[in-house]
Each structure stands twice: as C-alpha cells, then as structure tokens.
Amino acid sequence: MKITLDYPPSANVYWRRHGNVIHRSAEATAYKEAAGWICRTAGLQPISGDVCICLDFYRPAKRGDLDNLLKVTIDSLIGFAYEDDSQIVEIHAMRHDDKLAPRVEVTVSAL
C-alpha cells in the first residue's frame, strides 16, 4: 500500500512534560489525527504479520534529522497500515528536499 502524508513534526516536539506527567504534544496529536483521516479516506486496511515500511521524506528546508521524523510517522499509521508498530521488521528511509510540497511518501508491504 502506498500513501502520501503531510510532512511530520520532529520527534523533538513529540513529547511534552508537565511536572511529572509526560504526554504527547498537541502538534503530534494533530498530526496523528490528520494522518488517520488521510488513511481512512484512502480506505487503508491494516496488514497482519510482519511488514516492511519505506519512507521518503521531502523536507521544506535543509534542516532536521531524518531519524527524528520516523517515530511520529510510524506511530501515526498504527491501526491503519498495520495493527501495531511491533510488526515492522524492516525500515527504509530517505530524505529529500522539496520546499514547495513537503510530505512523506509511505509504502508498507507485507513480508
């Protein structure tokens, strides 16, 4: 299955702390909700069993680490592309630049 999502927020803003309580940030929650809407509209059904995920990130500016984009994107697909991210046994990720159309192109395949 292939899908294109909006460019994700960095993992650096994924978690927030209030006192001793750690929770997902409003930005991360909004991204997950938007990704869910895109997945539902596309009619995605979760794959059972082991999966491989390929991610092509097209960033809006020449900054940011590739690894900081993985967590938010992978978590946003739980329940849509796969049942749980523990099913992922292979990851391929590449970073590209496209300031006019930042996005992430995702391919998930059963193994």
PDB file of N, CA and C in Angstrom:
ATOM      1  N   MET A   1       0.835  -1.172   0.000  1.00  0.00           N
ATOM      2  CA  MET A   1       0.000   0.000   0.000  1.00  0.00           C
ATOM      3  C   MET A   1       0.881   1.236   0.000  1.00  0.00           C
ATOM      4  N   LYS A   2       0.442   2.232  -0.730  1.00  0.00           N
ATOM      5  CA  LYS A   2       1.171   3.498  -0.797  1.00  0.00           C
ATOM      6  C   LYS A   2       0.247   4.622  -0.368  1.00  0.00           C
ATOM      7  N   ILE A   3       0.840   5.582   0.327  1.00  0.00           N
ATOM      8  CA  ILE A   3       0.067   6.738   0.785  1.00  0.00           C
ATOM      9  C   ILE A   3       1.011   7.926   0.943  1.00  0.00           C
ATOM     10  N   THR A   4       0.483   9.118   0.752  1.00  0.00           N
ATOM     11  CA  THR A   4       1.255  10.340   0.966  1.00  0.00           C
ATOM     12  C   THR A   4       0.632  11.092   2.138  1.00  0.00           C
ATOM     13  N   LEU A   5       1.469  11.417   3.111  1.00  0.00           N
ATOM     14  CA  LEU A   5       1.044  12.153   4.297  1.00  0.00           C
ATOM     15  C   LEU A   5       1.713  13.519   4.320  1.00  0.00           C
ATOM     16  N   ASP A   6       1.174  14.402   5.125  1.00  0.00           N
ATOM     17  CA  ASP A   6       1.823  15.689   5.346  1.00  0.00           C
ATOM     18  C   ASP A   6       3.187  15.455   5.999  1.00  0.00           C
ATOM     19  N   TYR A   7       4.044  16.426   5.872  1.00  0.00           N
ATOM     20  CA  TYR A   7       5.361  16.341   6.500  1.00  0.00           C
ATOM     21  C   TYR A   7       5.182  16.339   8.023  1.00  0.00           C
ATOM     22  N   PRO A   8       5.798  15.391   8.723  1.00  0.00           N
ATOM     23  CA  PRO A   8       5.552  15.249  10.161  1.00  0.00           C
ATOM     24  C   PRO A   8       6.348  16.238  11.015  1.00  0.00           C
ATOM     25  N   PRO A   9       5.858  16.479  12.218  1.00  0.00           N
ATOM     26  CA  PRO A   9       6.668  17.248  13.173  1.00  0.00           C
ATOM     27  C   PRO A   9       7.830  16.383  13.642  1.00  0.00           C
ATOM     28  N   SER A  10       8.872  17.002  14.090  1.00  0.00           N
ATOM     29  CA  SER A  10      10.042  16.283  14.588  1.00  0.00           C
ATOM     30  C   SER A  10       9.741  15.579  15.903  1.00  0.00           C
ATOM     31  N   ALA A  11      10.448  14.501  16.159  1.00  0.00           N
ATOM     32  CA  ALA A  11      10.324  13.809  17.445  1.00  0.00           C
ATOM     33  C   ALA A  11      10.724  14.726  18.596  1.00  0.00           C
ATOM     34  N   ASN A  12      11.480  15.778  18.301  1.00  0.00           N
ATOM     35  CA  ASN A  12      11.876  16.727  19.345  1.00  0.00           C
ATOM     36  C   ASN A  12      10.679  17.454  19.947  1.00  0.00           C
ATOM     37  N   VAL A  13       9.567  17.491  19.221  1.00  0.00           N
ATOM     38  CA  VAL A  13       8.354  18.119  19.758  1.00  0.00           C
ATOM     39  C   VAL A  13       7.250  17.093  19.997  1.00  0.00           C
ATOM     40  N   TYR A  14       7.587  15.818  19.933  1.00  0.00           N
ATOM     41  CA  TYR A  14       6.599  14.746  20.089  1.00  0.00           C
ATOM     42  C   TYR A  14       6.073  14.650  21.517  1.00  0.00           C
ATOM     43  N   TRP A  15       6.969  14.713  22.481  1.00  0.00           N
ATOM     44  CA  TRP A  15       6.584  14.563  23.889  1.00  0.00           C
ATOM     45  C   TRP A  15       6.713  15.884  24.617  1.00  0.00           C
ATOM     46  N   ARG A  16       5.811  16.120  25.572  1.00  0.00           N
ATOM     47  CA  ARG A  16       5.855  17.296  26.428  1.00  0.00           C
ATOM     48  C   ARG A  16       5.710  16.847  27.870  1.00  0.00           C
ATOM     49  N   ARG A  17       6.265  17.626  28.770  1.00  0.00           N
ATOM     50  CA  ARG A  17       6.212  17.307  30.196  1.00  0.00           C
ATOM     51  C   ARG A  17       5.537  18.444  30.948  1.00  0.00           C
ATOM     52  N   HIS A  18       4.619  18.066  31.829  1.00  0.00           N
ATOM     53  CA  HIS A  18       4.002  18.993  32.771  1.00  0.00           C
ATOM     54  C   HIS A  18       4.223  18.394  34.154  1.00  0.00           C
ATOM     55  N   GLY A  19       5.169  18.939  34.891  1.00  0.00           N
ATOM     56  CA  GLY A  19       5.518  18.355  36.187  1.00  0.00           C
ATOM     57  C   GLY A  19       6.104  16.978  35.979  1.00  0.00           C
ATOM     58  N   ASN A  20       5.506  15.970  36.591  1.00  0.00           N
ATOM     59  CA  ASN A  20       5.981  14.593  36.450  1.00  0.00           C
ATOM     60  C   ASN A  20       5.234  13.812  35.376  1.00  0.00           C
ATOM     61  N   VAL A  21       4.315  14.484  34.688  1.00  0.00           N
ATOM     62  CA  VAL A  21       3.497  13.805  33.688  1.00  0.00           C
ATOM     63  C   VAL A  21       4.045  14.090  32.292  1.00  0.00           C
ATOM     64  N   ILE A  22       4.273  13.020  31.538  1.00  0.00           N
ATOM     65  CA  ILE A  22       4.738  13.143  30.155  1.00  0.00           C
ATOM     66  C   ILE A  22       3.584  12.754  29.241  1.00  0.00           C
ATOM     67  N   HIS A  23       3.329  13.561  28.215  1.00  0.00           N
ATOM     68  CA  HIS A  23       2.243  13.277  27.284  1.00  0.00           C
ATOM     69  C   HIS A  23       2.643  13.692  25.877  1.00  0.00           C
ATOM     70  N   ARG A  24       1.881  13.208  24.901  1.00  0.00           N
ATOM     71  CA  ARG A  24       2.132  13.558  23.508  1.00  0.00           C
ATOM     72  C   ARG A  24       1.740  15.022  23.305  1.00  0.00           C
ATOM     73  N   SER A  25       2.528  15.751  22.547  1.00  0.00           N
ATOM     74  CA  SER A  25       2.269  17.175  22.317  1.00  0.00           C
ATOM     75  C   SER A  25       1.019  17.372  21.467  1.00  0.00           C
ATOM     76  N   ALA A  26       0.471  18.561  21.528  1.00  0.00           N
ATOM     77  CA  ALA A  26      -0.690  18.913  20.717  1.00  0.00           C
ATOM     78  C   ALA A  26      -0.347  18.812  19.231  1.00  0.00           C
ATOM     79  N   GLU A  27       0.868  19.200  18.875  1.00  0.00           N
ATOM     80  CA  GLU A  27       1.301  19.130  17.476  1.00  0.00           C
ATOM     81  C   GLU A  27       1.348  17.679  16.991  1.00  0.00           C
ATOM     82  N   ALA A  28       1.876  16.772  17.813  1.00  0.00           N
ATOM     83  CA  ALA A  28       1.942  15.360  17.442  1.00  0.00           C
ATOM     84  C   ALA A  28       0.538  14.755  17.361  1.00  0.00           C
ATOM     85  N   THR A  29      -0.326  15.115  18.297  1.00  0.00           N
ATOM     86  CA  THR A  29      -1.700  14.614  18.296  1.00  0.00           C
ATOM     87  C   THR A  29      -2.438  15.083  17.043  1.00  0.00           C
ATOM     88  N   ALA A  30      -2.272  16.330  16.678  1.00  0.00           N
ATOM     89  CA  ALA A  30      -2.921  16.874  15.480  1.00  0.00           C
ATOM     90  C   ALA A  30      -2.411  16.157  14.227  1.00  0.00           C
ATOM     91  N   TYR A  31      -1.109  15.869  14.185  1.00  0.00           N
ATOM     92  CA  TYR A  31      -0.550  15.166  13.028  1.00  0.00           C
ATOM     93  C   TYR A  31      -1.145  13.758  12.925  1.00  0.00           C
ATOM     94  N   LYS A  32      -1.213  13.055  14.052  1.00  0.00           N
ATOM     95  CA  LYS A  32      -1.762  11.702  14.054  1.00  0.00           C
ATOM     96  C   LYS A  32      -3.229  11.703  13.609  1.00  0.00           C
ATOM     97  N   GLU A  33      -3.994  12.686  14.037  1.00  0.00           N
ATOM     98  CA  GLU A  33      -5.396  12.781  13.629  1.00  0.00           C
ATOM     99  C   GLU A  33      -5.517  13.050  12.127  1.00  0.00           C
ATOM    100  N   ALA A  34      -4.687  13.939  11.609  1.00  0.00           N
ATOM    101  CA  ALA A  34      -4.704  14.248  10.177  1.00  0.00           C
ATOM    102  C   ALA A  34      -4.287  13.023   9.351  1.00  0.00           C
ATOM    103  N   ALA A  35      -3.262  12.319   9.808  1.00  0.00           N
ATOM    104  CA  ALA A  35      -2.810  11.113   9.110  1.00  0.00           C
ATOM    105  C   ALA A  35      -3.914  10.057   9.124  1.00  0.00           C
ATOM    106  N   GLY A  36      -4.604   9.917  10.254  1.00  0.00           N
ATOM    107  CA  GLY A  36      -5.705   8.967  10.344  1.00  0.00           C
ATOM    108  C   GLY A  36      -6.817   9.284   9.362  1.00  0.00           C
ATOM    109  N   TRP A  37      -7.132  10.565   9.238  1.00  0.00           N
ATOM    110  CA  TRP A  37      -8.162  10.980   8.290  1.00  0.00           C
ATOM    111  C   TRP A  37      -7.754  10.613   6.862  1.00  0.00           C
ATOM    112  N   ILE A  38      -6.489  10.868   6.503  1.00  0.00           N
ATOM    113  CA  ILE A  38      -5.982  10.536   5.161  1.00  0.00           C
ATOM    114  C   ILE A  38      -6.060   9.028   4.932  1.00  0.00           C
ATOM    115  N   CYS A  39      -5.662   8.239   5.923  1.00  0.00           N
ATOM    116  CA  CYS A  39      -5.690   6.773   5.803  1.00  0.00           C
ATOM    117  C   CYS A  39      -7.123   6.256   5.653  1.00  0.00           C
ATOM    118  N   ARG A  40      -8.050   6.777   6.449  1.00  0.00           N
ATOM    119  CA  ARG A  40      -9.451   6.348   6.356  1.00  0.00           C
ATOM    120  C   ARG A  40     -10.040   6.714   4.988  1.00  0.00           C
ATOM    121  N   THR A  41      -9.741   7.913   4.524  1.00  0.00           N
ATOM    122  CA  THR A  41     -10.241   8.365   3.225  1.00  0.00           C
ATOM    123  C   THR A  41      -9.709   7.479   2.098  1.00  0.00           C
ATOM    124  N   ALA A  42      -8.451   7.029   2.240  1.00  0.00           N
ATOM    125  CA  ALA A  42      -7.840   6.157   1.231  1.00  0.00           C
ATOM    126  C   ALA A  42      -8.322   4.711   1.350  1.00  0.00           C
ATOM    127  N   GLY A  43      -9.043   4.396   2.420  1.00  0.00           N
ATOM    128  CA  GLY A  43      -9.566   3.049   2.604  1.00  0.00           C
ATOM    129  C   GLY A  43      -8.524   2.025   3.016  1.00  0.00           C
ATOM    130  N   LEU A  44      -7.479   2.468   3.704  1.00  0.00           N
ATOM    131  CA  LEU A  44      -6.438   1.529   4.127  1.00  0.00           C
ATOM    132  C   LEU A  44      -6.979   0.513   5.117  1.00  0.00           C
ATOM    133  N   GLN A  45      -6.488  -0.706   5.013  1.00  0.00           N
ATOM    134  CA  GLN A  45      -6.802  -1.775   5.948  1.00  0.00           C
ATOM    135  C   GLN A  45      -5.485  -2.251   6.544  1.00  0.00           C
ATOM    136  N   PRO A  46      -5.420  -2.465   7.849  1.00  0.00           N
ATOM    137  CA  PRO A  46      -4.161  -2.888   8.476  1.00  0.00           C
ATOM    138  C   PRO A  46      -3.692  -4.255   7.971  1.00  0.00           C
ATOM    139  N   ILE A  47      -2.410  -4.350   7.729  1.00  0.00           N
ATOM    140  CA  ILE A  47      -1.773  -5.609   7.348  1.00  0.00           C
ATOM    141  C   ILE A  47      -1.505  -6.398   8.616  1.00  0.00           C
ATOM    142  N   SER A  48      -1.734  -7.702   8.565  1.00  0.00           N
ATOM    143  CA  SER A  48      -1.381  -8.590   9.678  1.00  0.00           C
ATOM    144  C   SER A  48      -0.015  -9.201   9.387  1.00  0.00           C
ATOM    145  N   GLY A  49       0.723  -9.494  10.416  1.00  0.00           N
ATOM    146  CA  GLY A  49       2.035 -10.116  10.242  1.00  0.00           C
ATOM    147  C   GLY A  49       3.136  -9.091  10.056  1.00  0.00           C
ATOM    148  N   ASP A  50       4.318  -9.571   9.711  1.00  0.00           N
ATOM    149  CA  ASP A  50       5.497  -8.724   9.555  1.00  0.00           C
ATOM    150  C   ASP A  50       5.349  -7.789   8.355  1.00  0.00           C
ATOM    151  N   VAL A  51       5.864  -6.563   8.519  1.00  0.00           N
ATOM    152  CA  VAL A  51       5.796  -5.583   7.435  1.00  0.00           C
ATOM    153  C   VAL A  51       7.142  -4.890   7.234  1.00  0.00           C
ATOM    154  N   CYS A  52       7.296  -4.375   6.028  1.00  0.00           N
ATOM    155  CA  CYS A  52       8.414  -3.506   5.658  1.00  0.00           C
ATOM    156  C   CYS A  52       7.811  -2.149   5.364  1.00  0.00           C
ATOM    157  N   ILE A  53       8.434  -1.089   5.865  1.00  0.00           N
ATOM    158  CA  ILE A  53       7.953   0.265   5.604  1.00  0.00           C
ATOM    159  C   ILE A  53       9.061   1.071   4.927  1.00  0.00           C
ATOM    160  N   CYS A  54       8.693   1.731   3.838  1.00  0.00           N
ATOM    161  CA  CYS A  54       9.615   2.601   3.107  1.00  0.00           C
ATOM    162  C   CYS A  54       9.075   4.021   3.204  1.00  0.00           C
ATOM    163  N   LEU A  55       9.925   4.952   3.611  1.00  0.00           N
ATOM    164  CA  LEU A  55       9.507   6.332   3.824  1.00  0.00           C
ATOM    165  C   LEU A  55      10.429   7.275   3.058  1.00  0.00           C
ATOM    166  N   ASP A  56       9.846   8.112   2.232  1.00  0.00           N
ATOM    167  CA  ASP A  56      10.579   9.163   1.535  1.00  0.00           C
ATOM    168  C   ASP A  56      10.076  10.493   2.069  1.00  0.00           C
ATOM    169  N   PHE A  57      10.939  11.152   2.839  1.00  0.00           N
ATOM    170  CA  PHE A  57      10.603  12.440   3.450  1.00  0.00           C
ATOM    171  C   PHE A  57      11.083  13.564   2.550  1.00  0.00           C
ATOM    172  N   TYR A  58      10.183  14.460   2.199  1.00  0.00           N
ATOM    173  CA  TYR A  58      10.504  15.632   1.386  1.00  0.00           C
ATOM    174  C   TYR A  58      10.375  16.845   2.299  1.00  0.00           C
ATOM    175  N   ARG A  59      11.506  17.312   2.794  1.00  0.00           N
ATOM    176  CA  ARG A  59      11.501  18.358   3.820  1.00  0.00           C
ATOM    177  C   ARG A  59      11.375  19.752   3.209  1.00  0.00           C
ATOM    178  N   PRO A  60      10.785  20.675   3.962  1.00  0.00           N
ATOM    179  CA  PRO A  60      10.565  22.029   3.459  1.00  0.00           C
ATOM    180  C   PRO A  60      11.807  22.918   3.516  1.00  0.00           C
ATOM    181  N   ALA A  61      12.792  22.543   4.310  1.00  0.00           N
ATOM    182  CA  ALA A  61      14.023  23.334   4.446  1.00  0.00           C
ATOM    183  C   ALA A  61      15.181  22.383   4.739  1.00  0.00           C
ATOM    184  N   LYS A  62      16.378  22.830   4.480  1.00  0.00           N
ATOM    185  CA  LYS A  62      17.558  21.987   4.678  1.00  0.00           C
ATOM    186  C   LYS A  62      17.976  21.979   6.141  1.00  0.00           C
ATOM    187  N   ARG A  63      17.086  21.425   6.984  1.00  0.00           N
ATOM    188  CA  ARG A  63      17.412  21.258   8.392  1.00  0.00           C
ATOM    189  C   ARG A  63      16.591  20.107   8.940  1.00  0.00           C
ATOM    190  N   GLY A  64      17.031  19.577  10.045  1.00  0.00           N
ATOM    191  CA  GLY A  64      16.310  18.471  10.675  1.00  0.00           C
ATOM    192  C   GLY A  64      16.959  17.131  10.390  1.00  0.00           C
ATOM    193  N   ASP A  65      16.842  16.254  11.368  1.00  0.00           N
ATOM    194  CA  ASP A  65      17.431  14.922  11.258  1.00  0.00           C
ATOM    195  C   ASP A  65      16.396  13.926  10.759  1.00  0.00           C
ATOM    196  N   LEU A  66      16.818  13.045   9.896  1.00  0.00           N
ATOM    197  CA  LEU A  66      15.942  12.021   9.349  1.00  0.00           C
ATOM    198  C   LEU A  66      15.346  11.138  10.443  1.00  0.00           C
ATOM    199  N   ASP A  67      16.168  10.731  11.400  1.00  0.00           N
ATOM    200  CA  ASP A  67      15.678   9.819  12.442  1.00  0.00           C
ATOM    201  C   ASP A  67      14.610  10.451  13.330  1.00  0.00           C
ATOM    202  N   ASN A  68      14.584  11.774  13.445  1.00  0.00           N
ATOM    203  CA  ASN A  68      13.576  12.439  14.270  1.00  0.00           C
ATOM    204  C   ASN A  68      12.196  12.468  13.603  1.00  0.00           C
ATOM    205  N   LEU A  69      12.129  12.091  12.349  1.00  0.00           N
ATOM    206  CA  LEU A  69      10.851  12.069  11.635  1.00  0.00           C
ATOM    207  C   LEU A  69      10.189  10.695  11.675  1.00  0.00           C
ATOM    208  N   LEU A  70      10.961   9.674  11.970  1.00  0.00           N
ATOM    209  CA  LEU A  70      10.454   8.303  11.899  1.00  0.00           C
ATOM    210  C   LEU A  70       9.375   8.000  12.929  1.00  0.00           C
ATOM    211  N   LYS A  71       9.606   8.312  14.190  1.00  0.00           N
ATOM    212  CA  LYS A  71       8.699   7.926  15.281  1.00  0.00           C
ATOM    213  C   LYS A  71       7.283   8.454  15.069  1.00  0.00           C
ATOM    214  N   VAL A  72       7.161   9.730  14.775  1.00  0.00           N
ATOM    215  CA  VAL A  72       5.839  10.333  14.612  1.00  0.00           C
ATOM    216  C   VAL A  72       5.111   9.704  13.420  1.00  0.00           C
ATOM    217  N   THR A  73       5.812   9.514  12.311  1.00  0.00           N
ATOM    218  CA  THR A  73       5.197   8.954  11.117  1.00  0.00           C
ATOM    219  C   THR A  73       4.774   7.505  11.338  1.00  0.00           C
ATOM    220  N   ILE A  74       5.667   6.701  11.887  1.00  0.00           N
ATOM    221  CA  ILE A  74       5.366   5.290  12.127  1.00  0.00           C
ATOM    222  C   ILE A  74       4.210   5.139  13.105  1.00  0.00           C
ATOM    223  N   ASP A  75       4.203   5.906  14.172  1.00  0.00           N
ATOM    224  CA  ASP A  75       3.118   5.829  15.151  1.00  0.00           C
ATOM    225  C   ASP A  75       1.775   6.275  14.557  1.00  0.00           C
ATOM    226  N   SER A  76       1.806   7.226  13.637  1.00  0.00           N
ATOM    227  CA  SER A  76       0.553   7.730  13.073  1.00  0.00           C
ATOM    228  C   SER A  76      -0.140   6.692  12.186  1.00  0.00           C
ATOM    229  N   LEU A  77       0.568   5.664  11.768  1.00  0.00           N
ATOM    230  CA  LEU A  77      -0.011   4.646  10.887  1.00  0.00           C
ATOM    231  C   LEU A  77      -0.540   3.422  11.627  1.00  0.00           C
ATOM    232  N   ILE A  78      -0.364   3.393  12.957  1.00  0.00           N
ATOM    233  CA  ILE A  78      -0.873   2.273  13.751  1.00  0.00           C
ATOM    234  C   ILE A  78      -2.393   2.230  13.642  1.00  0.00           C
ATOM    235  N   GLY A  79      -2.902   1.041  13.347  1.00  0.00           N
ATOM    236  CA  GLY A  79      -4.338   0.856  13.190  1.00  0.00           C
ATOM    237  C   GLY A  79      -4.836   1.123  11.775  1.00  0.00           C
ATOM    238  N   PHE A  80      -3.972   1.643  10.927  1.00  0.00           N
ATOM    239  CA  PHE A  80      -4.343   1.936   9.548  1.00  0.00           C
ATOM    240  C   PHE A  80      -3.535   1.110   8.548  1.00  0.00           C
ATOM    241  N   ALA A  81      -2.209   1.165   8.631  1.00  0.00           N
ATOM    242  CA  ALA A  81      -1.350   0.403   7.722  1.00  0.00           C
ATOM    243  C   ALA A  81      -0.953  -0.940   8.330  1.00  0.00           C
ATOM    244  N   TYR A  82      -0.883  -0.988   9.643  1.00  0.00           N
ATOM    245  CA  TYR A  82      -0.571  -2.205  10.393  1.00  0.00           C
ATOM    246  C   TYR A  82      -1.255  -2.093  11.736  1.00  0.00           C
ATOM    247  N   GLU A  83      -1.375  -3.229  12.407  1.00  0.00           N
ATOM    248  CA  GLU A  83      -2.079  -3.235  13.691  1.00  0.00           C
ATOM    249  C   GLU A  83      -1.245  -2.615  14.805  1.00  0.00           C
ATOM    250  N   ASP A  84       0.063  -2.841  14.758  1.00  0.00           N
ATOM    251  CA  ASP A  84       0.972  -2.323  15.786  1.00  0.00           C
ATOM    252  C   ASP A  84       2.345  -2.147  15.164  1.00  0.00           C
ATOM    253  N   ASP A  85       3.095  -1.143  15.634  1.00  0.00           N
ATOM    254  CA  ASP A  85       4.415  -0.909  15.042  1.00  0.00           C
ATOM    255  C   ASP A  85       5.426  -2.004  15.381  1.00  0.00           C
ATOM    256  N   SER A  86       5.087  -2.916  16.291  1.00  0.00           N
ATOM    257  CA  SER A  86       5.976  -4.059  16.573  1.00  0.00           C
ATOM    258  C   SER A  86       6.027  -5.016  15.383  1.00  0.00           C
ATOM    259  N   GLN A  87       5.109  -4.878  14.437  1.00  0.00           N
ATOM    260  CA  GLN A  87       5.102  -5.704  13.228  1.00  0.00           C
ATOM    261  C   GLN A  87       6.194  -5.298  12.248  1.00  0.00           C
ATOM    262  N   ILE A  88       6.740  -4.105  12.399  1.00  0.00           N
ATOM    263  CA  ILE A  88       7.738  -3.600  11.457  1.00  0.00           C
ATOM    264  C   ILE A  88       9.065  -4.303  11.712  1.00  0.00           C
ATOM    265  N   VAL A  89       9.527  -5.032  10.702  1.00  0.00           N
ATOM    266  CA  VAL A  89      10.805  -5.729  10.823  1.00  0.00           C
ATOM    267  C   VAL A  89      11.863  -5.157   9.878  1.00  0.00           C
ATOM    268  N   GLU A  90      11.425  -4.238   9.008  1.00  0.00           N
ATOM    269  CA  GLU A  90      12.359  -3.627   8.059  1.00  0.00           C
ATOM    270  C   GLU A  90      11.913  -2.195   7.783  1.00  0.00           C
ATOM    271  N   ILE A  91      12.870  -1.259   7.830  1.00  0.00           N
ATOM    272  CA  ILE A  91      12.589   0.153   7.563  1.00  0.00           C
ATOM    273  C   ILE A  91      13.600   0.678   6.551  1.00  0.00           C
ATOM    274  N   HIS A  92      13.081   1.369   5.538  1.00  0.00           N
ATOM    275  CA  HIS A  92      13.921   2.088   4.576  1.00  0.00           C
ATOM    276  C   HIS A  92      13.470   3.537   4.615  1.00  0.00           C
ATOM    277  N   ALA A  93      14.396   4.457   4.827  1.00  0.00           N
ATOM    278  CA  ALA A  93      14.031   5.871   4.910  1.00  0.00           C
ATOM    279  C   ALA A  93      15.048   6.716   4.149  1.00  0.00           C
ATOM    280  N   MET A  94      14.523   7.697   3.429  1.00  0.00           N
ATOM    281  CA  MET A  94      15.377   8.627   2.695  1.00  0.00           C
ATOM    282  C   MET A  94      14.854  10.031   2.881  1.00  0.00           C
ATOM    283  N   ARG A  95      15.765  10.990   2.854  1.00  0.00           N
ATOM    284  CA  ARG A  95      15.412  12.397   2.997  1.00  0.00           C
ATOM    285  C   ARG A  95      15.694  13.102   1.677  1.00  0.00           C
ATOM    286  N   HIS A  96      14.731  13.913   1.260  1.00  0.00           N
ATOM    287  CA  HIS A  96      14.845  14.714   0.045  1.00  0.00           C
ATOM    288  C   HIS A  96      14.442  16.139   0.399  1.00  0.00           C
ATOM    289  N   ASP A  97      14.632  17.053  -0.509  1.00  0.00           N
ATOM    290  CA  ASP A  97      14.232  18.443  -0.297  1.00  0.00           C
ATOM    291  C   ASP A  97      13.158  18.832  -1.300  1.00  0.00           C
ATOM    292  N   ASP A  98      12.092  19.442  -0.804  1.00  0.00           N
ATOM    293  CA  ASP A  98      11.030  19.978  -1.663  1.00  0.00           C
ATOM    294  C   ASP A  98      10.284  21.044  -0.875  1.00  0.00           C
ATOM    295  N   LYS A  99      10.804  22.265  -0.906  1.00  0.00           N
ATOM    296  CA  LYS A  99      10.214  23.334  -0.099  1.00  0.00           C
ATOM    297  C   LYS A  99       8.816  23.715  -0.563  1.00  0.00           C
ATOM    298  N   LEU A 100       8.456  23.393  -1.795  1.00  0.00           N
ATOM    299  CA  LEU A 100       7.135  23.737  -2.298  1.00  0.00           C
ATOM    300  C   LEU A 100       6.061  22.710  -1.945  1.00  0.00           C
ATOM    301  N   ALA A 101       6.478  21.468  -1.705  1.00  0.00           N
ATOM    302  CA  ALA A 101       5.495  20.416  -1.393  1.00  0.00           C
ATOM    303  C   ALA A 101       6.074  19.430  -0.378  1.00  0.00           C
ATOM    304  N   PRO A 102       6.304  19.878   0.874  1.00  0.00           N
ATOM    305  CA  PRO A 102       6.834  18.963   1.882  1.00  0.00           C
ATOM    306  C   PRO A 102       5.815  17.867   2.183  1.00  0.00           C
ATOM    307  N   ARG A 103       6.324  16.643   2.332  1.00  0.00           N
ATOM    308  CA  ARG A 103       5.446  15.495   2.523  1.00  0.00           C
ATOM    309  C   ARG A 103       6.277  14.280   2.894  1.00  0.00           C
ATOM    310  N   VAL A 104       5.578  13.195   3.193  1.00  0.00           N
ATOM    311  CA  VAL A 104       6.236  11.901   3.335  1.00  0.00           C
ATOM    312  C   VAL A 104       5.450  10.900   2.502  1.00  0.00           C
ATOM    313  N   GLU A 105       6.147  10.208   1.622  1.00  0.00           N
ATOM    314  CA  GLU A 105       5.537   9.172   0.796  1.00  0.00           C
ATOM    315  C   GLU A 105       5.861   7.839   1.457  1.00  0.00           C
ATOM    316  N   VAL A 106       4.819   7.077   1.779  1.00  0.00           N
ATOM    317  CA  VAL A 106       4.947   5.866   2.569  1.00  0.00           C
ATOM    318  C   VAL A 106       4.492   4.665   1.749  1.00  0.00           C
ATOM    319  N   THR A 107       5.310   3.613   1.786  1.00  0.00           N
ATOM    320  CA  THR A 107       4.926   2.334   1.207  1.00  0.00           C
ATOM    321  C   THR A 107       5.068   1.280   2.299  1.00  0.00           C
ATOM    322  N   VAL A 108       4.004   0.526   2.525  1.00  0.00           N
ATOM    323  CA  VAL A 108       4.021  -0.545   3.513  1.00  0.00           C
ATOM    324  C   VAL A 108       3.718  -1.846   2.795  1.00  0.00           C
ATOM    325  N   SER A 109       4.572  -2.849   2.998  1.00  0.00           N
ATOM    326  CA  SER A 109       4.424  -4.140   2.333  1.00  0.00           C
ATOM    327  C   SER A 109       4.448  -5.267   3.343  1.00  0.00           C
ATOM    328  N   ALA A 110       3.619  -6.273   3.098  1.00  0.00           N
ATOM    329  CA  ALA A 110       3.648  -7.481   3.922  1.00  0.00           C
ATOM    330  C   ALA A 110       4.894  -8.280   3.556  1.00  0.00           C
ATOM    331  N   LEU A 111       5.477  -8.923   4.545  1.00  0.00           N
ATOM    332  CA  LEU A 111       6.653  -9.776   4.291  1.00  0.00           C
ATOM    333  C   LEU A 111       6.264 -11.237   4.421  1.00  0.00           C
TER     334      LEU A 111
END
